Amino acid sequence: MSDASRGVVVAHGVLAQALVDEAERITGQRGALVAVSNSGGDRAEIERRVEAAVGDGPAVIFVDMPCGSCFIASMRMERERKDVRVVTGTNLPMLLDFLSHQAMPPVEGAARAASKGHDAIRHP
């Protein structure tokens, strides 16, 4: 699965780890998602954490909000790397879908994840 994109979930506090834990529990897939928290880190430290989590291969970075330290660090990676894409407003349905379609290139995987996450938002 060397061509598979890594999923990096970047969020405030313990949210990233909670989302990764539940996505892994539901799918049974381990190690495809990496959690990054902004807790206790300044801008430079959060950027280092995101960079380390992304690694050398293709990645989709899932960020909790389209603003703030998590977003800024993630967008820096997208600007620097053609094989990295960022999706904001992360929710569990988009992570579950990503895990089922990791072989997609990051551009396509990010677009699909954003669409699936959006579709999961309902007001009954």
PDB file of N, CA and C in Angstrom:
ATOM      1  N   MET A   1       0.828  -1.191   0.000  1.00  0.00           N
ATOM      2  CA  MET A   1       0.000   0.000   0.000  1.00  0.00           C
ATOM      3  C   MET A   1       0.871   1.253   0.000  1.00  0.00           C
ATOM      4  N   SER A   2       2.039   1.184  -0.633  1.00  0.00           N
ATOM      5  CA  SER A   2       2.978   2.288  -0.622  1.00  0.00           C
ATOM      6  C   SER A   2       2.451   3.505  -1.372  1.00  0.00           C
ATOM      7  N   ASP A   3       1.528   3.330  -2.321  1.00  0.00           N
ATOM      8  CA  ASP A   3       0.967   4.447  -3.065  1.00  0.00           C
ATOM      9  C   ASP A   3      -0.165   5.131  -2.311  1.00  0.00           C
ATOM     10  N   ALA A   4      -0.584   4.563  -1.205  1.00  0.00           N
ATOM     11  CA  ALA A   4      -1.701   5.108  -0.450  1.00  0.00           C
ATOM     12  C   ALA A   4      -1.319   6.427   0.206  1.00  0.00           C
ATOM     13  N   SER A   5      -2.274   7.325   0.232  1.00  0.00           N
ATOM     14  CA  SER A   5      -2.072   8.601   0.927  1.00  0.00           C
ATOM     15  C   SER A   5      -2.201   8.393   2.425  1.00  0.00           C
ATOM     16  N   ARG A   6      -1.392   9.096   3.161  1.00  0.00           N
ATOM     17  CA  ARG A   6      -1.519   9.115   4.614  1.00  0.00           C
ATOM     18  C   ARG A   6      -2.563  10.152   4.971  1.00  0.00           C
ATOM     19  N   GLY A   7      -3.342   9.885   5.969  1.00  0.00           N
ATOM     20  CA  GLY A   7      -4.294  10.850   6.490  1.00  0.00           C
ATOM     21  C   GLY A   7      -3.735  11.426   7.783  1.00  0.00           C
ATOM     22  N   VAL A   8      -3.672  12.741   7.856  1.00  0.00           N
ATOM     23  CA  VAL A   8      -3.175  13.421   9.045  1.00  0.00           C
ATOM     24  C   VAL A   8      -4.311  14.281   9.576  1.00  0.00           C
ATOM     25  N   VAL A   9      -4.721  14.018  10.799  1.00  0.00           N
ATOM     26  CA  VAL A   9      -5.824  14.757  11.415  1.00  0.00           C
ATOM     27  C   VAL A   9      -5.215  15.756  12.390  1.00  0.00           C
ATOM     28  N   VAL A  10      -5.422  17.048  12.120  1.00  0.00           N
ATOM     29  CA  VAL A  10      -4.834  18.123  12.917  1.00  0.00           C
ATOM     30  C   VAL A  10      -5.971  18.894  13.582  1.00  0.00           C
ATOM     31  N   ALA A  11      -5.939  18.948  14.924  1.00  0.00           N
ATOM     32  CA  ALA A  11      -7.059  19.583  15.617  1.00  0.00           C
ATOM     33  C   ALA A  11      -6.635  20.091  16.994  1.00  0.00           C
ATOM     34  N   HIS A  12      -7.537  20.830  17.581  1.00  0.00           N
ATOM     35  CA  HIS A  12      -7.331  21.396  18.907  1.00  0.00           C
ATOM     36  C   HIS A  12      -7.493  20.321  19.985  1.00  0.00           C
ATOM     37  N   GLY A  13      -6.633  20.373  20.977  1.00  0.00           N
ATOM     38  CA  GLY A  13      -6.742  19.489  22.131  1.00  0.00           C
ATOM     39  C   GLY A  13      -6.695  18.025  21.760  1.00  0.00           C
ATOM     40  N   VAL A  14      -7.640  17.249  22.299  1.00  0.00           N
ATOM     41  CA  VAL A  14      -7.661  15.800  22.092  1.00  0.00           C
ATOM     42  C   VAL A  14      -8.566  15.385  20.930  1.00  0.00           C
ATOM     43  N   LEU A  15      -9.125  16.353  20.217  1.00  0.00           N
ATOM     44  CA  LEU A  15     -10.065  16.040  19.147  1.00  0.00           C
ATOM     45  C   LEU A  15      -9.452  15.167  18.054  1.00  0.00           C
ATOM     46  N   ALA A  16      -8.247  15.474  17.617  1.00  0.00           N
ATOM     47  CA  ALA A  16      -7.619  14.693  16.537  1.00  0.00           C
ATOM     48  C   ALA A  16      -7.486  13.230  16.934  1.00  0.00           C
ATOM     49  N   GLN A  17      -6.992  12.982  18.138  1.00  0.00           N
ATOM     50  CA  GLN A  17      -6.801  11.595  18.573  1.00  0.00           C
ATOM     51  C   GLN A  17      -8.141  10.878  18.715  1.00  0.00           C
ATOM     52  N   ALA A  18      -9.153  11.572  19.202  1.00  0.00           N
ATOM     53  CA  ALA A  18     -10.475  10.953  19.340  1.00  0.00           C
ATOM     54  C   ALA A  18     -11.040  10.556  17.976  1.00  0.00           C
ATOM     55  N   LEU A  19     -10.903  11.421  16.975  1.00  0.00           N
ATOM     56  CA  LEU A  19     -11.391  11.101  15.631  1.00  0.00           C
ATOM     57  C   LEU A  19     -10.630   9.918  15.033  1.00  0.00           C
ATOM     58  N   VAL A  20      -9.314   9.911  15.192  1.00  0.00           N
ATOM     59  CA  VAL A  20      -8.501   8.803  14.678  1.00  0.00           C
ATOM     60  C   VAL A  20      -8.885   7.505  15.375  1.00  0.00           C
ATOM     61  N   ASP A  21      -9.011   7.550  16.691  1.00  0.00           N
ATOM     62  CA  ASP A  21      -9.364   6.337  17.445  1.00  0.00           C
ATOM     63  C   ASP A  21     -10.690   5.751  16.977  1.00  0.00           C
ATOM     64  N   GLU A  22     -11.694   6.585  16.785  1.00  0.00           N
ATOM     65  CA  GLU A  22     -13.010   6.084  16.374  1.00  0.00           C
ATOM     66  C   GLU A  22     -13.009   5.592  14.937  1.00  0.00           C
ATOM     67  N   ALA A  23     -12.317   6.289  14.040  1.00  0.00           N
ATOM     68  CA  ALA A  23     -12.226   5.821  12.650  1.00  0.00           C
ATOM     69  C   ALA A  23     -11.535   4.466  12.586  1.00  0.00           C
ATOM     70  N   GLU A  24     -10.493   4.284  13.377  1.00  0.00           N
ATOM     71  CA  GLU A  24      -9.797   2.995  13.419  1.00  0.00           C
ATOM     72  C   GLU A  24     -10.679   1.916  14.036  1.00  0.00           C
ATOM     73  N   ARG A  25     -11.412   2.268  15.068  1.00  0.00           N
ATOM     74  CA  ARG A  25     -12.288   1.292  15.723  1.00  0.00           C
ATOM     75  C   ARG A  25     -13.373   0.820  14.766  1.00  0.00           C
ATOM     76  N   ILE A  26     -13.971   1.746  14.045  1.00  0.00           N
ATOM     77  CA  ILE A  26     -15.068   1.406  13.135  1.00  0.00           C
ATOM     78  C   ILE A  26     -14.576   0.577  11.950  1.00  0.00           C
ATOM     79  N   THR A  27     -13.447   0.973  11.360  1.00  0.00           N
ATOM     80  CA  THR A  27     -12.973   0.305  10.141  1.00  0.00           C
ATOM     81  C   THR A  27     -12.048  -0.876  10.409  1.00  0.00           C
ATOM     82  N   GLY A  28     -11.437  -0.894  11.574  1.00  0.00           N
ATOM     83  CA  GLY A  28     -10.448  -1.930  11.854  1.00  0.00           C
ATOM     84  C   GLY A  28      -9.094  -1.639  11.234  1.00  0.00           C
ATOM     85  N   GLN A  29      -8.964  -0.546  10.533  1.00  0.00           N
ATOM     86  CA  GLN A  29      -7.684  -0.152   9.918  1.00  0.00           C
ATOM     87  C   GLN A  29      -6.843   0.617  10.925  1.00  0.00           C
ATOM     88  N   ARG A  30      -5.599   0.218  11.046  1.00  0.00           N
ATOM     89  CA  ARG A  30      -4.690   0.888  11.981  1.00  0.00           C
ATOM     90  C   ARG A  30      -3.514   1.501  11.225  1.00  0.00           C
ATOM     91  N   GLY A  31      -3.087   2.674  11.654  1.00  0.00           N
ATOM     92  CA  GLY A  31      -1.885   3.284  11.113  1.00  0.00           C
ATOM     93  C   GLY A  31      -2.042   4.122   9.865  1.00  0.00           C
ATOM     94  N   ALA A  32      -3.234   4.191   9.303  1.00  0.00           N
ATOM     95  CA  ALA A  32      -3.445   4.990   8.094  1.00  0.00           C
ATOM     96  C   ALA A  32      -3.699   6.458   8.416  1.00  0.00           C
ATOM     97  N   LEU A  33      -4.126   6.729   9.651  1.00  0.00           N
ATOM     98  CA  LEU A  33      -4.372   8.095  10.111  1.00  0.00           C
ATOM     99  C   LEU A  33      -3.417   8.420  11.254  1.00  0.00           C
ATOM    100  N   VAL A  34      -2.936   9.648  11.252  1.00  0.00           N
ATOM    101  CA  VAL A  34      -2.046  10.120  12.312  1.00  0.00           C
ATOM    102  C   VAL A  34      -2.688  11.351  12.939  1.00  0.00           C
ATOM    103  N   ALA A  35      -2.731  11.400  14.260  1.00  0.00           N
ATOM    104  CA  ALA A  35      -3.318  12.538  14.976  1.00  0.00           C
ATOM    105  C   ALA A  35      -2.241  13.541  15.355  1.00  0.00           C
ATOM    106  N   VAL A  36      -2.560  14.821  15.175  1.00  0.00           N
ATOM    107  CA  VAL A  36      -1.674  15.908  15.590  1.00  0.00           C
ATOM    108  C   VAL A  36      -2.514  16.904  16.378  1.00  0.00           C
ATOM    109  N   SER A  37      -2.067  17.212  17.595  1.00  0.00           N
ATOM    110  CA  SER A  37      -2.742  18.194  18.442  1.00  0.00           C
ATOM    111  C   SER A  37      -1.932  19.486  18.482  1.00  0.00           C
ATOM    112  N   ASN A  38      -2.627  20.578  18.641  1.00  0.00           N
ATOM    113  CA  ASN A  38      -1.928  21.854  18.811  1.00  0.00           C
ATOM    114  C   ASN A  38      -1.612  22.145  20.281  1.00  0.00           C
ATOM    115  N   SER A  39      -2.035  21.279  21.173  1.00  0.00           N
ATOM    116  CA  SER A  39      -1.861  21.522  22.617  1.00  0.00           C
ATOM    117  C   SER A  39      -0.396  21.728  22.984  1.00  0.00           C
ATOM    118  N   GLY A  40      -0.154  22.814  23.690  1.00  0.00           N
ATOM    119  CA  GLY A  40       1.180  23.086  24.210  1.00  0.00           C
ATOM    120  C   GLY A  40       2.206  23.484  23.176  1.00  0.00           C
ATOM    121  N   GLY A  41       1.774  23.767  21.961  1.00  0.00           N
ATOM    122  CA  GLY A  41       2.739  24.125  20.927  1.00  0.00           C
ATOM    123  C   GLY A  41       2.527  25.524  20.393  1.00  0.00           C
ATOM    124  N   ASP A  42       3.638  26.204  20.103  1.00  0.00           N
ATOM    125  CA  ASP A  42       3.539  27.486  19.413  1.00  0.00           C
ATOM    126  C   ASP A  42       3.459  27.210  17.913  1.00  0.00           C
ATOM    127  N   ARG A  43       3.379  28.258  17.114  1.00  0.00           N
ATOM    128  CA  ARG A  43       3.220  28.093  15.669  1.00  0.00           C
ATOM    129  C   ARG A  43       4.297  27.196  15.070  1.00  0.00           C
ATOM    130  N   ALA A  44       5.538  27.449  15.414  1.00  0.00           N
ATOM    131  CA  ALA A  44       6.645  26.670  14.855  1.00  0.00           C
ATOM    132  C   ALA A  44       6.574  25.202  15.281  1.00  0.00           C
ATOM    133  N   GLU A  45       6.211  24.942  16.515  1.00  0.00           N
ATOM    134  CA  GLU A  45       6.111  23.565  17.005  1.00  0.00           C
ATOM    135  C   GLU A  45       4.981  22.816  16.313  1.00  0.00           C
ATOM    136  N   ILE A  46       3.853  23.468  16.118  1.00  0.00           N
ATOM    137  CA  ILE A  46       2.725  22.820  15.434  1.00  0.00           C
ATOM    138  C   ILE A  46       3.115  22.508  13.995  1.00  0.00           C
ATOM    139  N   GLU A  47       3.813  23.421  13.349  1.00  0.00           N
ATOM    140  CA  GLU A  47       4.282  23.164  11.980  1.00  0.00           C
ATOM    141  C   GLU A  47       5.219  21.960  11.951  1.00  0.00           C
ATOM    142  N   ARG A  48       6.118  21.836  12.928  1.00  0.00           N
ATOM    143  CA  ARG A  48       7.024  20.682  12.996  1.00  0.00           C
ATOM    144  C   ARG A  48       6.232  19.383  13.183  1.00  0.00           C
ATOM    145  N   ARG A  49       5.223  19.427  14.038  1.00  0.00           N
ATOM    146  CA  ARG A  49       4.395  18.232  14.270  1.00  0.00           C
ATOM    147  C   ARG A  49       3.683  17.795  12.996  1.00  0.00           C
ATOM    148  N   VAL A  50       3.118  18.754  12.277  1.00  0.00           N
ATOM    149  CA  VAL A  50       2.407  18.435  11.036  1.00  0.00           C
ATOM    150  C   VAL A  50       3.383  17.872  10.003  1.00  0.00           C
ATOM    151  N   GLU A  51       4.514  18.497   9.859  1.00  0.00           N
ATOM    152  CA  GLU A  51       5.513  18.033   8.893  1.00  0.00           C
ATOM    153  C   GLU A  51       5.970  16.612   9.211  1.00  0.00           C
ATOM    154  N   ALA A  52       6.225  16.328  10.473  1.00  0.00           N
ATOM    155  CA  ALA A  52       6.644  14.981  10.875  1.00  0.00           C
ATOM    156  C   ALA A  52       5.536  13.960  10.609  1.00  0.00           C
ATOM    157  N   ALA A  53       4.302  14.330  10.866  1.00  0.00           N
ATOM    158  CA  ALA A  53       3.182  13.410  10.657  1.00  0.00           C
ATOM    159  C   ALA A  53       2.955  13.130   9.172  1.00  0.00           C
ATOM    160  N   VAL A  54       3.126  14.126   8.334  1.00  0.00           N
ATOM    161  CA  VAL A  54       2.937  13.948   6.891  1.00  0.00           C
ATOM    162  C   VAL A  54       4.018  13.029   6.328  1.00  0.00           C
ATOM    163  N   GLY A  55       5.243  13.211   6.759  1.00  0.00           N
ATOM    164  CA  GLY A  55       6.330  12.383   6.248  1.00  0.00           C
ATOM    165  C   GLY A  55       6.686  12.723   4.817  1.00  0.00           C
ATOM    166  N   ASP A  56       7.188  11.723   4.079  1.00  0.00           N
ATOM    167  CA  ASP A  56       7.695  11.950   2.724  1.00  0.00           C
ATOM    168  C   ASP A  56       6.711  11.621   1.611  1.00  0.00           C
ATOM    169  N   GLY A  57       5.645  10.915   1.916  1.00  0.00           N
ATOM    170  CA  GLY A  57       4.718  10.473   0.875  1.00  0.00           C
ATOM    171  C   GLY A  57       3.527  11.380   0.722  1.00  0.00           C
ATOM    172  N   PRO A  58       2.608  10.984  -0.162  1.00  0.00           N
ATOM    173  CA  PRO A  58       1.389  11.774  -0.371  1.00  0.00           C
ATOM    174  C   PRO A  58       0.513  11.761   0.872  1.00  0.00           C
ATOM    175  N   ALA A  59      -0.188  12.875   1.084  1.00  0.00           N
ATOM    176  CA  ALA A  59      -1.023  12.969   2.284  1.00  0.00           C
ATOM    177  C   ALA A  59      -2.202  13.899   2.069  1.00  0.00           C
ATOM    178  N   VAL A  60      -3.266  13.591   2.797  1.00  0.00           N
ATOM    179  CA  VAL A  60      -4.398  14.500   2.942  1.00  0.00           C
ATOM    180  C   VAL A  60      -4.422  14.891   4.409  1.00  0.00           C
ATOM    181  N   ILE A  61      -4.403  16.201   4.653  1.00  0.00           N
ATOM    182  CA  ILE A  61      -4.440  16.719   6.014  1.00  0.00           C
ATOM    183  C   ILE A  61      -5.861  17.169   6.308  1.00  0.00           C
ATOM    184  N   PHE A  62      -6.432  16.611   7.356  1.00  0.00           N
ATOM    185  CA  PHE A  62      -7.786  16.944   7.791  1.00  0.00           C
ATOM    186  C   PHE A  62      -7.681  17.873   8.988  1.00  0.00           C
ATOM    187  N   VAL A  63      -8.214  19.082   8.873  1.00  0.00           N
ATOM    188  CA  VAL A  63      -8.100  20.100   9.918  1.00  0.00           C
ATOM    189  C   VAL A  63      -9.486  20.394  10.493  1.00  0.00           C
ATOM    190  N   ASP A  64      -9.531  20.646  11.798  1.00  0.00           N
ATOM    191  CA  ASP A  64     -10.827  20.869  12.443  1.00  0.00           C
ATOM    192  C   ASP A  64     -11.522  22.148  11.988  1.00  0.00           C
ATOM    193  N   MET A  65     -10.787  23.248  11.834  1.00  0.00           N
ATOM    194  CA  MET A  65     -11.412  24.528  11.482  1.00  0.00           C
ATOM    195  C   MET A  65     -10.620  25.235  10.389  1.00  0.00           C
ATOM    196  N   PRO A  66     -11.281  26.041   9.564  1.00  0.00           N
ATOM    197  CA  PRO A  66     -10.584  26.760   8.498  1.00  0.00           C
ATOM    198  C   PRO A  66      -9.950  28.069   8.975  1.00  0.00           C
ATOM    199  N   CYS A  67      -9.324  28.011  10.137  1.00  0.00           N
ATOM    200  CA  CYS A  67      -8.631  29.174  10.687  1.00  0.00           C
ATOM    201  C   CYS A  67      -7.780  28.694  11.862  1.00  0.00           C
ATOM    202  N   GLY A  68      -6.925  29.535  12.362  1.00  0.00           N
ATOM    203  CA  GLY A  68      -6.155  29.216  13.549  1.00  0.00           C
ATOM    204  C   GLY A  68      -4.865  28.452  13.278  1.00  0.00           C
ATOM    205  N   SER A  69      -4.219  28.054  14.362  1.00  0.00           N
ATOM    206  CA  SER A  69      -2.885  27.463  14.301  1.00  0.00           C
ATOM    207  C   SER A  69      -2.836  26.143  13.535  1.00  0.00           C
ATOM    208  N   CYS A  70      -3.823  25.301  13.714  1.00  0.00           N
ATOM    209  CA  CYS A  70      -3.851  24.008  13.006  1.00  0.00           C
ATOM    210  C   CYS A  70      -3.963  24.229  11.500  1.00  0.00           C
ATOM    211  N   PHE A  71      -4.826  25.129  11.112  1.00  0.00           N
ATOM    212  CA  PHE A  71      -5.040  25.439   9.697  1.00  0.00           C
ATOM    213  C   PHE A  71      -3.792  26.062   9.077  1.00  0.00           C
ATOM    214  N   ILE A  72      -3.195  27.022   9.759  1.00  0.00           N
ATOM    215  CA  ILE A  72      -2.024  27.708   9.217  1.00  0.00           C
ATOM    216  C   ILE A  72      -0.864  26.728   9.008  1.00  0.00           C
ATOM    217  N   ALA A  73      -0.625  25.870   9.977  1.00  0.00           N
ATOM    218  CA  ALA A  73       0.453  24.882   9.850  1.00  0.00           C
ATOM    219  C   ALA A  73       0.182  23.919   8.702  1.00  0.00           C
ATOM    220  N   SER A  74      -1.052  23.516   8.544  1.00  0.00           N
ATOM    221  CA  SER A  74      -1.419  22.571   7.487  1.00  0.00           C
ATOM    222  C   SER A  74      -1.323  23.206   6.110  1.00  0.00           C
ATOM    223  N   MET A  75      -1.768  24.435   5.980  1.00  0.00           N
ATOM    224  CA  MET A  75      -1.704  25.122   4.693  1.00  0.00           C
ATOM    225  C   MET A  75      -0.257  25.368   4.267  1.00  0.00           C
ATOM    226  N   ARG A  76       0.633  25.556   5.214  1.00  0.00           N
ATOM    227  CA  ARG A  76       2.053  25.692   4.872  1.00  0.00           C
ATOM    228  C   ARG A  76       2.539  24.438   4.156  1.00  0.00           C
ATOM    229  N   MET A  77       2.127  23.270   4.654  1.00  0.00           N
ATOM    230  CA  MET A  77       2.530  22.010   4.024  1.00  0.00           C
ATOM    231  C   MET A  77       1.942  21.905   2.616  1.00  0.00           C
ATOM    232  N   GLU A  78       0.697  22.300   2.442  1.00  0.00           N
ATOM    233  CA  GLU A  78       0.075  22.223   1.116  1.00  0.00           C
ATOM    234  C   GLU A  78       0.789  23.138   0.131  1.00  0.00           C
ATOM    235  N   ARG A  79       1.184  24.314   0.573  1.00  0.00           N
ATOM    236  CA  ARG A  79       1.907  25.242  -0.308  1.00  0.00           C
ATOM    237  C   ARG A  79       3.273  24.692  -0.709  1.00  0.00           C
ATOM    238  N   GLU A  80       3.918  23.973   0.194  1.00  0.00           N
ATOM    239  CA  GLU A  80       5.268  23.474  -0.064  1.00  0.00           C
ATOM    240  C   GLU A  80       5.305  22.172  -0.845  1.00  0.00           C
ATOM    241  N   ARG A  81       4.229  21.407  -0.807  1.00  0.00           N
ATOM    242  CA  ARG A  81       4.245  20.064  -1.394  1.00  0.00           C
ATOM    243  C   ARG A  81       3.078  19.858  -2.350  1.00  0.00           C
ATOM    244  N   LYS A  82       3.373  19.380  -3.546  1.00  0.00           N
ATOM    245  CA  LYS A  82       2.325  19.124  -4.535  1.00  0.00           C
ATOM    246  C   LYS A  82       1.526  17.873  -4.219  1.00  0.00           C
ATOM    247  N   ASP A  83       2.066  17.010  -3.353  1.00  0.00           N
ATOM    248  CA  ASP A  83       1.390  15.754  -3.026  1.00  0.00           C
ATOM    249  C   ASP A  83       0.667  15.804  -1.683  1.00  0.00           C
ATOM    250  N   VAL A  84       0.373  17.021  -1.213  1.00  0.00           N
ATOM    251  CA  VAL A  84      -0.344  17.214   0.053  1.00  0.00           C
ATOM    252  C   VAL A  84      -1.529  18.138  -0.194  1.00  0.00           C
ATOM    253  N   ARG A  85      -2.692  17.754   0.325  1.00  0.00           N
ATOM    254  CA  ARG A  85      -3.887  18.583   0.241  1.00  0.00           C
ATOM    255  C   ARG A  85      -4.522  18.698   1.613  1.00  0.00           C
ATOM    256  N   VAL A  86      -5.229  19.809   1.835  1.00  0.00           N
ATOM    257  CA  VAL A  86      -5.863  20.104   3.121  1.00  0.00           C
ATOM    258  C   VAL A  86      -7.373  20.146   2.949  1.00  0.00           C
ATOM    259  N   VAL A  87      -8.073  19.556   3.911  1.00  0.00           N
ATOM    260  CA  VAL A  87      -9.529  19.602   3.987  1.00  0.00           C
ATOM    261  C   VAL A  87      -9.876  20.129   5.383  1.00  0.00           C
ATOM    262  N   THR A  88     -10.780  21.096   5.462  1.00  0.00           N
ATOM    263  CA  THR A  88     -11.173  21.634   6.765  1.00  0.00           C
ATOM    264  C   THR A  88     -12.584  21.178   7.125  1.00  0.00           C
ATOM    265  N   GLY A  89     -12.931  21.386   8.402  1.00  0.00           N
ATOM    266  CA  GLY A  89     -14.253  20.988   8.883  1.00  0.00           C
ATOM    267  C   GLY A  89     -14.352  19.482   9.078  1.00  0.00           C
ATOM    268  N   THR A  90     -13.289  18.894   9.508  1.00  0.00           N
ATOM    269  CA  THR A  90     -13.197  17.440   9.605  1.00  0.00           C
ATOM    270  C   THR A  90     -14.306  16.834  10.442  1.00  0.00           C
ATOM    271  N   ASN A  91     -14.865  15.740   9.918  1.00  0.00           N
ATOM    272  CA  ASN A  91     -15.848  14.974  10.669  1.00  0.00           C
ATOM    273  C   ASN A  91     -15.594  13.491  10.437  1.00  0.00           C
ATOM    274  N   LEU A  92     -16.214  12.673  11.230  1.00  0.00           N
ATOM    275  CA  LEU A  92     -15.984  11.232  11.171  1.00  0.00           C
ATOM    276  C   LEU A  92     -16.366  10.615   9.821  1.00  0.00           C
ATOM    277  N   PRO A  93     -17.495  10.983   9.209  1.00  0.00           N
ATOM    278  CA  PRO A  93     -17.821  10.389   7.911  1.00  0.00           C
ATOM    279  C   PRO A  93     -16.750  10.621   6.842  1.00  0.00           C
ATOM    280  N   MET A  94     -16.135  11.801   6.830  1.00  0.00           N
ATOM    281  CA  MET A  94     -15.107  12.035   5.814  1.00  0.00           C
ATOM    282  C   MET A  94     -13.871  11.178   6.075  1.00  0.00           C
ATOM    283  N   LEU A  95     -13.523  10.948   7.328  1.00  0.00           N
ATOM    284  CA  LEU A  95     -12.379  10.096   7.631  1.00  0.00           C
ATOM    285  C   LEU A  95     -12.656   8.648   7.262  1.00  0.00           C
ATOM    286  N   LEU A  96     -13.862   8.177   7.528  1.00  0.00           N
ATOM    287  CA  LEU A  96     -14.229   6.809   7.164  1.00  0.00           C
ATOM    288  C   LEU A  96     -14.164   6.620   5.653  1.00  0.00           C
ATOM    289  N   ASP A  97     -14.658   7.585   4.906  1.00  0.00           N
ATOM    290  CA  ASP A  97     -14.595   7.495   3.458  1.00  0.00           C
ATOM    291  C   ASP A  97     -13.151   7.529   2.969  1.00  0.00           C
ATOM    292  N   PHE A  98     -12.351   8.395   3.535  1.00  0.00           N
ATOM    293  CA  PHE A  98     -10.934   8.466   3.155  1.00  0.00           C
ATOM    294  C   PHE A  98     -10.255   7.113   3.334  1.00  0.00           C
ATOM    295  N   LEU A  99     -10.524   6.449   4.443  1.00  0.00           N
ATOM    296  CA  LEU A  99      -9.891   5.157   4.700  1.00  0.00           C
ATOM    297  C   LEU A  99     -10.282   4.111   3.654  1.00  0.00           C
ATOM    298  N   SER A 100     -11.436   4.277   3.047  1.00  0.00           N
ATOM    299  CA  SER A 100     -11.873   3.351   2.002  1.00  0.00           C
ATOM    300  C   SER A 100     -11.329   3.716   0.624  1.00  0.00           C
ATOM    301  N   HIS A 101     -10.716   4.884   0.504  1.00  0.00           N
ATOM    302  CA  HIS A 101     -10.254   5.370  -0.801  1.00  0.00           C
ATOM    303  C   HIS A 101      -8.847   5.965  -0.727  1.00  0.00           C
ATOM    304  N   GLN A 102      -8.009   5.409   0.094  1.00  0.00           N
ATOM    305  CA  GLN A 102      -6.650   5.928   0.273  1.00  0.00           C
ATOM    306  C   GLN A 102      -5.796   5.877  -0.976  1.00  0.00           C
ATOM    307  N   ALA A 103      -6.107   5.007  -1.892  1.00  0.00           N
ATOM    308  CA  ALA A 103      -5.293   4.862  -3.097  1.00  0.00           C
ATOM    309  C   ALA A 103      -5.450   6.052  -4.047  1.00  0.00           C
ATOM    310  N   MET A 104      -6.474   6.858  -3.828  1.00  0.00           N
ATOM    311  CA  MET A 104      -6.665   8.042  -4.678  1.00  0.00           C
ATOM    312  C   MET A 104      -5.525   9.025  -4.463  1.00  0.00           C
ATOM    313  N   PRO A 105      -5.116   9.744  -5.525  1.00  0.00           N
ATOM    314  CA  PRO A 105      -4.144  10.820  -5.333  1.00  0.00           C
ATOM    315  C   PRO A 105      -4.720  11.860  -4.369  1.00  0.00           C
ATOM    316  N   PRO A 106      -3.875  12.575  -3.632  1.00  0.00           N
ATOM    317  CA  PRO A 106      -4.366  13.541  -2.641  1.00  0.00           C
ATOM    318  C   PRO A 106      -5.375  14.557  -3.176  1.00  0.00           C
ATOM    319  N   VAL A 107      -5.194  15.040  -4.393  1.00  0.00           N
ATOM    320  CA  VAL A 107      -6.136  16.024  -4.936  1.00  0.00           C
ATOM    321  C   VAL A 107      -7.534  15.426  -5.005  1.00  0.00           C
ATOM    322  N   GLU A 108      -7.640  14.222  -5.538  1.00  0.00           N
ATOM    323  CA  GLU A 108      -8.936  13.562  -5.666  1.00  0.00           C
ATOM    324  C   GLU A 108      -9.465  13.092  -4.308  1.00  0.00           C
ATOM    325  N   GLY A 109      -8.575  12.559  -3.480  1.00  0.00           N
ATOM    326  CA  GLY A 109      -8.985  12.087  -2.159  1.00  0.00           C
ATOM    327  C   GLY A 109      -9.515  13.209  -1.288  1.00  0.00           C
ATOM    328  N   ALA A 110      -8.859  14.365  -1.353  1.00  0.00           N
ATOM    329  CA  ALA A 110      -9.306  15.514  -0.559  1.00  0.00           C
ATOM    330  C   ALA A 110     -10.668  16.002  -1.039  1.00  0.00           C
ATOM    331  N   ALA A 111     -10.851  16.074  -2.353  1.00  0.00           N
ATOM    332  CA  ALA A 111     -12.139  16.527  -2.899  1.00  0.00           C
ATOM    333  C   ALA A 111     -13.255  15.560  -2.517  1.00  0.00           C
ATOM    334  N   ARG A 112     -12.973  14.264  -2.614  1.00  0.00           N
ATOM    335  CA  ARG A 112     -13.983  13.265  -2.263  1.00  0.00           C
ATOM    336  C   ARG A 112     -14.322  13.354  -0.774  1.00  0.00           C
ATOM    337  N   ALA A 113     -13.294  13.466   0.069  1.00  0.00           N
ATOM    338  CA  ALA A 113     -13.514  13.542   1.518  1.00  0.00           C
ATOM    339  C   ALA A 113     -14.342  14.772   1.872  1.00  0.00           C
ATOM    340  N   ALA A 114     -14.027  15.907   1.255  1.00  0.00           N
ATOM    341  CA  ALA A 114     -14.787  17.131   1.534  1.00  0.00           C
ATOM    342  C   ALA A 114     -16.248  16.958   1.129  1.00  0.00           C
ATOM    343  N   SER A 115     -16.473  16.337  -0.005  1.00  0.00           N
ATOM    344  CA  SER A 115     -17.843  16.103  -0.473  1.00  0.00           C
ATOM    345  C   SER A 115     -18.602  15.179   0.479  1.00  0.00           C
ATOM    346  N   LYS A 116     -17.961  14.088   0.882  1.00  0.00           N
ATOM    347  CA  LYS A 116     -18.606  13.136   1.789  1.00  0.00           C
ATOM    348  C   LYS A 116     -18.875  13.768   3.156  1.00  0.00           C
ATOM    349  N   GLY A 117     -17.933  14.555   3.641  1.00  0.00           N
ATOM    350  CA  GLY A 117     -18.133  15.238   4.921  1.00  0.00           C
ATOM    351  C   GLY A 117     -19.278  16.225   4.852  1.00  0.00           C
ATOM    352  N   HIS A 118     -19.358  16.952   3.748  1.00  0.00           N
ATOM    353  CA  HIS A 118     -20.442  17.908   3.552  1.00  0.00           C
ATOM    354  C   HIS A 118     -21.785  17.186   3.477  1.00  0.00           C
ATOM    355  N   ASP A 119     -21.832  16.086   2.719  1.00  0.00           N
ATOM    356  CA  ASP A 119     -23.073  15.322   2.576  1.00  0.00           C
ATOM    357  C   ASP A 119     -23.577  14.767   3.898  1.00  0.00           C
ATOM    358  N   ALA A 120     -22.661  14.554   4.842  1.00  0.00           N
ATOM    359  CA  ALA A 120     -23.041  13.983   6.134  1.00  0.00           C
ATOM    360  C   ALA A 120     -23.692  15.003   7.073  1.00  0.00           C
ATOM    361  N   ILE A 121     -23.605  16.271   6.727  1.00  0.00           N
ATOM    362  CA  ILE A 121     -24.186  17.312   7.563  1.00  0.00           C
ATOM    363  C   ILE A 121     -25.654  17.483   7.184  1.00  0.00           C
ATOM    364  N   ARG A 122     -26.512  17.311   8.152  1.00  0.00           N
ATOM    365  CA  ARG A 122     -27.960  17.353   7.903  1.00  0.00           C
ATOM    366  C   ARG A 122     -28.660  18.196   8.974  1.00  0.00           C
ATOM    367  N   HIS A 123     -29.761  18.724   8.576  1.00  0.00           N
ATOM    368  CA  HIS A 123     -30.664  19.374   9.516  1.00  0.00           C
ATOM    369  C   HIS A 123     -32.028  18.773   9.288  1.00  0.00           C
ATOM    370  N   PRO A 124     -32.411  17.813  10.140  1.00  0.00           N
ATOM    371  CA  PRO A 124     -33.670  17.086   9.925  1.00  0.00           C
ATOM    372  C   PRO A 124     -34.889  17.965  10.000  1.00  0.00           C
TER     373      PRO A 124
END
